Amino acid sequence: MNKEAIIVGENYECRKADFERPIIGEVLQKTDEGCIVNVERFYGLDADKINENDGKVLIRYSEVRGIISSQCFFS
């Protein structure tokens, strides 16, 4: 995704190159290099990498896959 399309405060699915699986997190800040994401959901394989940074990870804009809706309806 491009920088302009990403909204601070929204949750996104991200596929960081050095992580085993996708993560989901809230965008806290946008920078020139990417965005700072507070990781909310992840697979256990990446726990050490996430814990090293207190749950905050720099994600390049090309690694952001899409917005995750906070409003879900199941019937």
Protein backbone atom coordinates (compact mmCIF):
# COMPACT_ATOMS: atom_id res chain seq x y z
CA MET A 1 0.00 0.00 0.00
CA ASN A 2 1.10 3.57 -0.39
CA LYS A 3 1.68 5.97 2.48
CA GLU A 4 -1.31 8.15 1.69
CA ALA A 5 -3.78 5.22 1.80
CA ILE A 6 -2.80 4.14 5.32
CA ILE A 7 -4.79 5.64 8.19
CA VAL A 8 -3.24 6.12 11.63
CA GLY A 9 -5.36 4.38 14.27
CA GLU A 10 -6.67 1.65 11.95
CA ASN A 11 -5.75 -2.05 12.03
CA TYR A 12 -3.95 -3.62 9.08
CA GLU A 13 -2.72 -7.04 8.06
CA CYS A 14 1.01 -6.92 7.44
CA ARG A 15 3.40 -9.49 5.97
CA LYS A 16 6.80 -8.50 7.25
CA ALA A 17 9.58 -10.14 5.23
CA ASP A 18 11.51 -11.48 8.23
CA PHE A 19 8.41 -12.86 10.03
CA GLU A 20 7.10 -16.37 9.51
CA ARG A 21 3.42 -15.41 9.36
CA PRO A 22 1.29 -12.27 8.85
CA ILE A 23 0.60 -9.97 11.78
CA ILE A 24 -2.30 -7.66 12.53
CA GLY A 25 -1.76 -4.38 14.28
CA GLU A 26 -2.79 -0.78 14.74
CA VAL A 27 -0.83 1.89 12.91
CA LEU A 28 0.56 4.31 15.50
CA GLN A 29 2.68 6.54 13.29
CA LYS A 30 3.75 6.98 9.66
CA THR A 31 7.38 7.73 8.77
CA ASP A 32 9.29 8.06 5.51
CA GLU A 33 10.55 4.44 5.78
CA GLY A 34 7.23 2.87 6.77
CA CYS A 35 4.77 2.84 9.63
CA ILE A 36 5.06 1.91 13.29
CA VAL A 37 2.52 -0.80 14.11
CA ASN A 38 1.43 -1.94 17.56
CA VAL A 39 1.05 -5.69 17.04
CA GLU A 40 -2.27 -7.03 18.29
CA ARG A 41 -2.42 -10.49 16.72
CA PHE A 42 0.40 -12.76 15.60
CA TYR A 43 1.50 -16.37 15.43
CA GLY A 44 3.72 -17.78 18.17
CA LEU A 45 6.65 -18.29 15.81
CA ASP A 46 7.30 -14.55 15.76
CA ALA A 47 6.80 -13.85 19.47
CA ASP A 48 10.50 -13.21 20.22
CA LYS A 49 10.84 -10.62 17.46
CA ILE A 50 7.71 -8.82 18.65
CA ASN A 51 8.63 -8.93 22.33
CA GLU A 52 12.08 -7.44 21.62
CA ASN A 53 10.40 -4.17 20.67
CA ASP A 54 7.55 -4.16 23.21
CA GLY A 55 5.05 -5.07 20.51
CA LYS A 56 5.90 -2.19 18.18
CA VAL A 57 7.28 -3.03 14.75
CA LEU A 58 8.38 -0.92 11.78
CA ILE A 59 6.55 -2.13 8.68
CA ARG A 60 7.49 -0.97 5.19
CA TYR A 61 4.55 0.30 3.17
CA SER A 62 5.01 -2.52 0.66
CA GLU A 63 4.47 -5.03 3.52
CA VAL A 64 1.02 -3.67 4.42
CA ARG A 65 -1.59 -5.89 2.76
CA GLY A 66 -4.90 -4.34 3.74
CA ILE A 67 -7.13 -2.83 6.36
CA ILE A 68 -8.87 -5.09 8.88
CA SER A 69 -12.41 -4.05 9.72
CA SER A 70 -13.15 -3.68 13.41
CA GLN A 71 -16.85 -4.09 12.69
CA CYS A 72 -17.72 -7.68 11.82
CA PHE A 73 -21.15 -9.21 11.56
CA PHE A 74 -21.70 -12.95 11.58
CA SER A 75 -25.05 -14.49 10.86
